[in-house]
Amino acid sequence: MISLNTHLSQASGTSRLPKAAPGAARGAADQAAPRPSRIVARGLAKRFGDLRIFEDVNFEVGEREVVAIVGPSGCGKTTLLRCIAGLTPYESGMISASRIKQ
């Protein structure tokens, strides 16, 4: 889970998605080798004028992982998704998204 509320209250916070709980059911392929990340964000920051939307956001989303972006209304969840999709420019950091087979 990515909590943007943490990033607003702690300007230099780091979020890392949790791994599966111990004992969670996994297939043999999942246990053999870690899967490469499909989406990676490092040091991501976005501002609208003097308003800091988020700063120093870091996370990885692996293949077949399900994530949730949570936070209060107006904290930047949609802006983060728009940055990942390439619809909204961001001020600093990097986003890498590998191609997903359909």
N, C-alpha and C. Protein backbone atom coordinates (compact mmCIF):
# COMPACT_ATOMS: atom_id res chain seq x y z
N MET A 1 0.85 -1.15 0.00
CA MET A 1 0.00 0.00 0.00
C MET A 1 0.90 1.23 0.00
N ILE A 2 0.57 2.19 -0.80
CA ILE A 2 1.30 3.45 -0.86
C ILE A 2 0.44 4.49 -0.17
N SER A 3 0.96 5.06 0.89
CA SER A 3 0.20 6.06 1.63
C SER A 3 0.77 7.44 1.35
N LEU A 4 0.05 8.24 0.60
CA LEU A 4 0.51 9.58 0.29
C LEU A 4 0.40 10.50 1.49
N ASN A 5 -0.45 10.17 2.44
CA ASN A 5 -0.55 10.97 3.65
C ASN A 5 0.80 11.02 4.37
N THR A 6 1.53 9.91 4.38
CA THR A 6 2.86 9.85 4.98
C THR A 6 3.79 10.82 4.27
N HIS A 7 3.71 10.90 2.96
CA HIS A 7 4.61 11.75 2.20
C HIS A 7 4.32 13.23 2.42
N LEU A 8 3.08 13.56 2.72
CA LEU A 8 2.78 14.96 2.98
C LEU A 8 3.25 15.39 4.35
N SER A 9 3.14 14.50 5.34
CA SER A 9 3.54 14.88 6.69
C SER A 9 5.04 14.74 6.92
N GLN A 10 5.69 13.85 6.16
CA GLN A 10 7.13 13.66 6.26
C GLN A 10 7.70 13.87 4.86
N ALA A 11 8.15 15.06 4.57
CA ALA A 11 8.54 15.44 3.21
C ALA A 11 9.58 14.51 2.61
N SER A 12 10.34 13.79 3.40
CA SER A 12 11.36 12.92 2.82
C SER A 12 11.08 11.45 3.13
N GLY A 13 9.81 11.06 3.27
CA GLY A 13 9.47 9.68 3.58
C GLY A 13 9.69 8.75 2.40
N THR A 14 9.79 7.48 2.68
CA THR A 14 9.97 6.48 1.63
C THR A 14 8.92 5.40 1.82
N SER A 15 8.22 5.05 0.75
CA SER A 15 7.26 3.95 0.80
C SER A 15 7.79 2.80 -0.02
N ARG A 16 7.65 1.62 0.50
CA ARG A 16 8.03 0.42 -0.23
C ARG A 16 6.86 -0.53 -0.06
N LEU A 17 6.42 -1.10 -1.14
CA LEU A 17 5.28 -1.98 -1.07
C LEU A 17 5.61 -3.22 -0.26
N PRO A 18 4.68 -3.67 0.58
CA PRO A 18 4.95 -4.85 1.39
C PRO A 18 4.98 -6.11 0.54
N LYS A 19 5.76 -7.08 0.96
CA LYS A 19 5.79 -8.38 0.32
C LYS A 19 4.61 -9.18 0.86
N ALA A 20 4.34 -10.31 0.24
CA ALA A 20 3.24 -11.17 0.68
C ALA A 20 3.49 -11.63 2.11
N ALA A 21 2.42 -11.79 2.83
CA ALA A 21 2.51 -12.23 4.22
C ALA A 21 3.11 -13.63 4.29
N PRO A 22 3.87 -13.92 5.37
CA PRO A 22 4.41 -15.27 5.52
C PRO A 22 3.30 -16.30 5.47
N GLY A 23 3.54 -17.36 4.75
CA GLY A 23 2.56 -18.43 4.64
C GLY A 23 1.53 -18.19 3.55
N ALA A 24 1.61 -17.06 2.86
CA ALA A 24 0.66 -16.79 1.78
C ALA A 24 0.90 -17.77 0.65
N ALA A 25 -0.16 -18.17 -0.01
CA ALA A 25 -0.04 -19.14 -1.10
C ALA A 25 0.72 -18.53 -2.26
N ARG A 26 1.73 -19.24 -2.73
CA ARG A 26 2.51 -18.79 -3.89
C ARG A 26 2.76 -19.99 -4.79
N GLY A 27 2.82 -19.74 -6.08
CA GLY A 27 3.13 -20.79 -7.03
C GLY A 27 4.63 -21.07 -7.03
N ALA A 28 5.03 -22.19 -7.65
CA ALA A 28 6.45 -22.57 -7.70
C ALA A 28 7.28 -21.51 -8.42
N ALA A 29 6.73 -20.89 -9.46
CA ALA A 29 7.48 -19.87 -10.21
C ALA A 29 7.74 -18.65 -9.33
N ASP A 30 6.79 -18.30 -8.47
CA ASP A 30 6.98 -17.15 -7.58
C ASP A 30 8.08 -17.40 -6.56
N GLN A 31 8.23 -18.65 -6.11
CA GLN A 31 9.24 -18.98 -5.11
C GLN A 31 10.61 -19.13 -5.73
N ALA A 32 10.69 -19.47 -7.01
CA ALA A 32 11.96 -19.75 -7.66
C ALA A 32 12.83 -18.51 -7.81
N ALA A 33 12.27 -17.43 -8.30
CA ALA A 33 13.06 -16.22 -8.54
C ALA A 33 12.16 -15.00 -8.42
N PRO A 34 12.67 -13.90 -7.89
CA PRO A 34 11.86 -12.69 -7.82
C PRO A 34 11.55 -12.17 -9.22
N ARG A 35 10.37 -11.63 -9.38
CA ARG A 35 9.97 -11.07 -10.67
C ARG A 35 10.47 -9.63 -10.77
N PRO A 36 10.79 -9.19 -11.97
CA PRO A 36 11.24 -7.81 -12.12
C PRO A 36 10.10 -6.83 -11.86
N SER A 37 10.45 -5.65 -11.43
CA SER A 37 9.45 -4.61 -11.18
C SER A 37 8.85 -4.14 -12.51
N ARG A 38 7.57 -3.90 -12.52
CA ARG A 38 6.90 -3.37 -13.70
C ARG A 38 6.83 -1.85 -13.65
N ILE A 39 6.70 -1.27 -12.45
CA ILE A 39 6.68 0.18 -12.30
C ILE A 39 7.62 0.53 -11.15
N VAL A 40 8.51 1.48 -11.40
CA VAL A 40 9.45 1.93 -10.38
C VAL A 40 9.41 3.46 -10.36
N ALA A 41 9.31 4.03 -9.17
CA ALA A 41 9.39 5.48 -9.00
C ALA A 41 10.47 5.76 -7.96
N ARG A 42 11.32 6.72 -8.25
CA ARG A 42 12.40 7.11 -7.33
C ARG A 42 12.45 8.63 -7.20
N GLY A 43 12.34 9.13 -5.99
CA GLY A 43 12.49 10.56 -5.72
C GLY A 43 11.48 11.44 -6.42
N LEU A 44 10.29 10.92 -6.66
CA LEU A 44 9.27 11.65 -7.42
C LEU A 44 8.74 12.85 -6.63
N ALA A 45 8.67 14.00 -7.27
CA ALA A 45 8.13 15.21 -6.64
C ALA A 45 7.25 15.96 -7.63
N LYS A 46 6.18 16.53 -7.11
CA LYS A 46 5.26 17.31 -7.94
C LYS A 46 4.80 18.53 -7.16
N ARG A 47 4.79 19.67 -7.82
CA ARG A 47 4.31 20.92 -7.26
C ARG A 47 3.34 21.57 -8.24
N PHE A 48 2.42 22.33 -7.70
CA PHE A 48 1.59 23.24 -8.48
C PHE A 48 1.88 24.62 -7.91
N GLY A 49 2.75 25.37 -8.56
CA GLY A 49 3.18 26.66 -8.03
C GLY A 49 3.94 26.46 -6.74
N ASP A 50 3.52 27.13 -5.68
CA ASP A 50 4.16 26.99 -4.37
C ASP A 50 3.61 25.81 -3.56
N LEU A 51 2.55 25.17 -4.06
CA LEU A 51 1.92 24.07 -3.35
C LEU A 51 2.63 22.76 -3.65
N ARG A 52 3.22 22.15 -2.63
CA ARG A 52 3.90 20.86 -2.79
C ARG A 52 2.85 19.76 -2.71
N ILE A 53 2.67 19.02 -3.79
CA ILE A 53 1.68 17.94 -3.83
C ILE A 53 2.26 16.69 -3.19
N PHE A 54 3.44 16.25 -3.63
CA PHE A 54 4.17 15.17 -2.98
C PHE A 54 5.65 15.36 -3.26
N GLU A 55 6.47 14.72 -2.44
CA GLU A 55 7.91 14.88 -2.54
C GLU A 55 8.59 13.59 -2.10
N ASP A 56 9.63 13.20 -2.82
CA ASP A 56 10.45 12.03 -2.49
C ASP A 56 9.63 10.76 -2.37
N VAL A 57 8.76 10.52 -3.36
CA VAL A 57 7.95 9.30 -3.39
C VAL A 57 8.78 8.21 -4.06
N ASN A 58 8.92 7.07 -3.39
CA ASN A 58 9.69 5.94 -3.89
C ASN A 58 8.87 4.67 -3.73
N PHE A 59 8.73 3.90 -4.81
CA PHE A 59 8.04 2.61 -4.71
C PHE A 59 8.36 1.75 -5.91
N GLU A 60 8.08 0.46 -5.78
CA GLU A 60 8.20 -0.51 -6.87
C GLU A 60 6.93 -1.34 -6.89
N VAL A 61 6.44 -1.64 -8.08
CA VAL A 61 5.31 -2.53 -8.24
C VAL A 61 5.79 -3.67 -9.14
N GLY A 62 5.76 -4.87 -8.61
CA GLY A 62 6.22 -6.03 -9.36
C GLY A 62 5.13 -6.62 -10.23
N GLU A 63 5.54 -7.50 -11.11
CA GLU A 63 4.61 -8.19 -11.97
C GLU A 63 3.62 -8.97 -11.12
N ARG A 64 2.35 -8.86 -11.45
CA ARG A 64 1.25 -9.55 -10.78
C ARG A 64 1.00 -9.07 -9.36
N GLU A 65 1.59 -7.96 -8.94
CA GLU A 65 1.29 -7.39 -7.63
C GLU A 65 0.06 -6.50 -7.75
N VAL A 66 -0.72 -6.47 -6.70
CA VAL A 66 -1.88 -5.60 -6.61
C VAL A 66 -1.57 -4.58 -5.52
N VAL A 67 -1.73 -3.31 -5.84
CA VAL A 67 -1.42 -2.25 -4.87
C VAL A 67 -2.60 -1.32 -4.72
N ALA A 68 -2.58 -0.58 -3.64
CA ALA A 68 -3.58 0.45 -3.39
C ALA A 68 -2.86 1.73 -3.03
N ILE A 69 -3.30 2.83 -3.57
CA ILE A 69 -2.78 4.14 -3.20
C ILE A 69 -3.85 4.78 -2.34
N VAL A 70 -3.51 5.04 -1.08
CA VAL A 70 -4.50 5.55 -0.14
C VAL A 70 -4.05 6.88 0.45
N GLY A 71 -5.00 7.65 0.88
CA GLY A 71 -4.72 8.92 1.53
C GLY A 71 -5.99 9.75 1.54
N PRO A 72 -5.97 10.83 2.29
CA PRO A 72 -7.16 11.67 2.39
C PRO A 72 -7.45 12.41 1.08
N SER A 73 -8.63 12.93 0.97
CA SER A 73 -9.03 13.69 -0.20
C SER A 73 -8.06 14.85 -0.43
N GLY A 74 -7.62 15.00 -1.67
CA GLY A 74 -6.75 16.11 -2.02
C GLY A 74 -5.27 15.92 -1.72
N CYS A 75 -4.84 14.70 -1.40
CA CYS A 75 -3.44 14.49 -1.01
C CYS A 75 -2.52 14.19 -2.20
N GLY A 76 -3.07 13.96 -3.40
CA GLY A 76 -2.22 13.75 -4.57
C GLY A 76 -2.29 12.37 -5.19
N LYS A 77 -3.28 11.56 -4.81
CA LYS A 77 -3.38 10.20 -5.35
C LYS A 77 -3.58 10.23 -6.87
N THR A 78 -4.53 10.99 -7.33
CA THR A 78 -4.80 11.06 -8.76
C THR A 78 -3.63 11.72 -9.49
N THR A 79 -3.03 12.72 -8.91
CA THR A 79 -1.87 13.37 -9.53
C THR A 79 -0.73 12.38 -9.69
N LEU A 80 -0.50 11.53 -8.69
CA LEU A 80 0.53 10.50 -8.80
C LEU A 80 0.23 9.55 -9.96
N LEU A 81 -1.00 9.09 -10.06
CA LEU A 81 -1.38 8.20 -11.16
C LEU A 81 -1.23 8.89 -12.52
N ARG A 82 -1.58 10.17 -12.59
CA ARG A 82 -1.42 10.91 -13.85
C ARG A 82 0.05 11.06 -14.21
N CYS A 83 0.92 11.23 -13.22
CA CYS A 83 2.37 11.29 -13.48
C CYS A 83 2.88 9.96 -14.02
N ILE A 84 2.45 8.86 -13.40
CA ILE A 84 2.86 7.52 -13.86
C ILE A 84 2.40 7.29 -15.29
N ALA A 85 1.18 7.72 -15.61
CA ALA A 85 0.62 7.52 -16.95
C ALA A 85 1.21 8.47 -17.99
N GLY A 86 1.98 9.46 -17.54
CA GLY A 86 2.56 10.41 -18.47
C GLY A 86 1.64 11.55 -18.85
N LEU A 87 0.55 11.72 -18.14
CA LEU A 87 -0.42 12.78 -18.44
C LEU A 87 -0.09 14.09 -17.75
N THR A 88 0.66 14.01 -16.66
CA THR A 88 1.03 15.20 -15.89
C THR A 88 2.54 15.19 -15.68
N PRO A 89 3.24 16.28 -16.02
CA PRO A 89 4.69 16.31 -15.78
C PRO A 89 5.00 16.42 -14.29
N TYR A 90 6.15 15.90 -13.89
CA TYR A 90 6.59 16.00 -12.50
C TYR A 90 7.90 16.76 -12.46
N GLU A 91 8.22 17.35 -11.31
CA GLU A 91 9.38 18.24 -11.21
C GLU A 91 10.71 17.49 -11.10
N SER A 92 10.75 16.42 -10.33
CA SER A 92 12.01 15.69 -10.17
C SER A 92 11.74 14.23 -9.92
N GLY A 93 12.79 13.44 -10.03
CA GLY A 93 12.70 12.00 -9.84
C GLY A 93 12.59 11.29 -11.17
N MET A 94 12.28 10.00 -11.10
CA MET A 94 12.14 9.21 -12.32
C MET A 94 11.06 8.16 -12.13
N ILE A 95 10.43 7.84 -13.27
CA ILE A 95 9.44 6.76 -13.32
C ILE A 95 9.85 5.84 -14.45
N SER A 96 9.85 4.55 -14.16
CA SER A 96 10.14 3.55 -15.19
C SER A 96 9.01 2.56 -15.19
N ALA A 97 8.41 2.35 -16.35
CA ALA A 97 7.32 1.38 -16.47
C ALA A 97 7.62 0.47 -17.64
N SER A 98 7.71 -0.83 -17.38
CA SER A 98 7.98 -1.77 -18.46
C SER A 98 6.67 -2.16 -19.14
N ARG A 99 6.79 -2.61 -20.37
CA ARG A 99 5.63 -2.96 -21.17
C ARG A 99 4.93 -4.18 -20.58
N ILE A 100 3.63 -4.13 -20.54
CA ILE A 100 2.85 -5.23 -20.00
C ILE A 100 2.21 -5.98 -21.16
N LYS A 101 2.41 -7.31 -21.19
CA LYS A 101 1.84 -8.16 -22.24
C LYS A 101 0.36 -8.35 -21.96
N GLN A 102 -0.44 -8.29 -23.03
CA GLN A 102 -1.88 -8.46 -22.87
C GLN A 102 -2.33 -9.75 -23.48
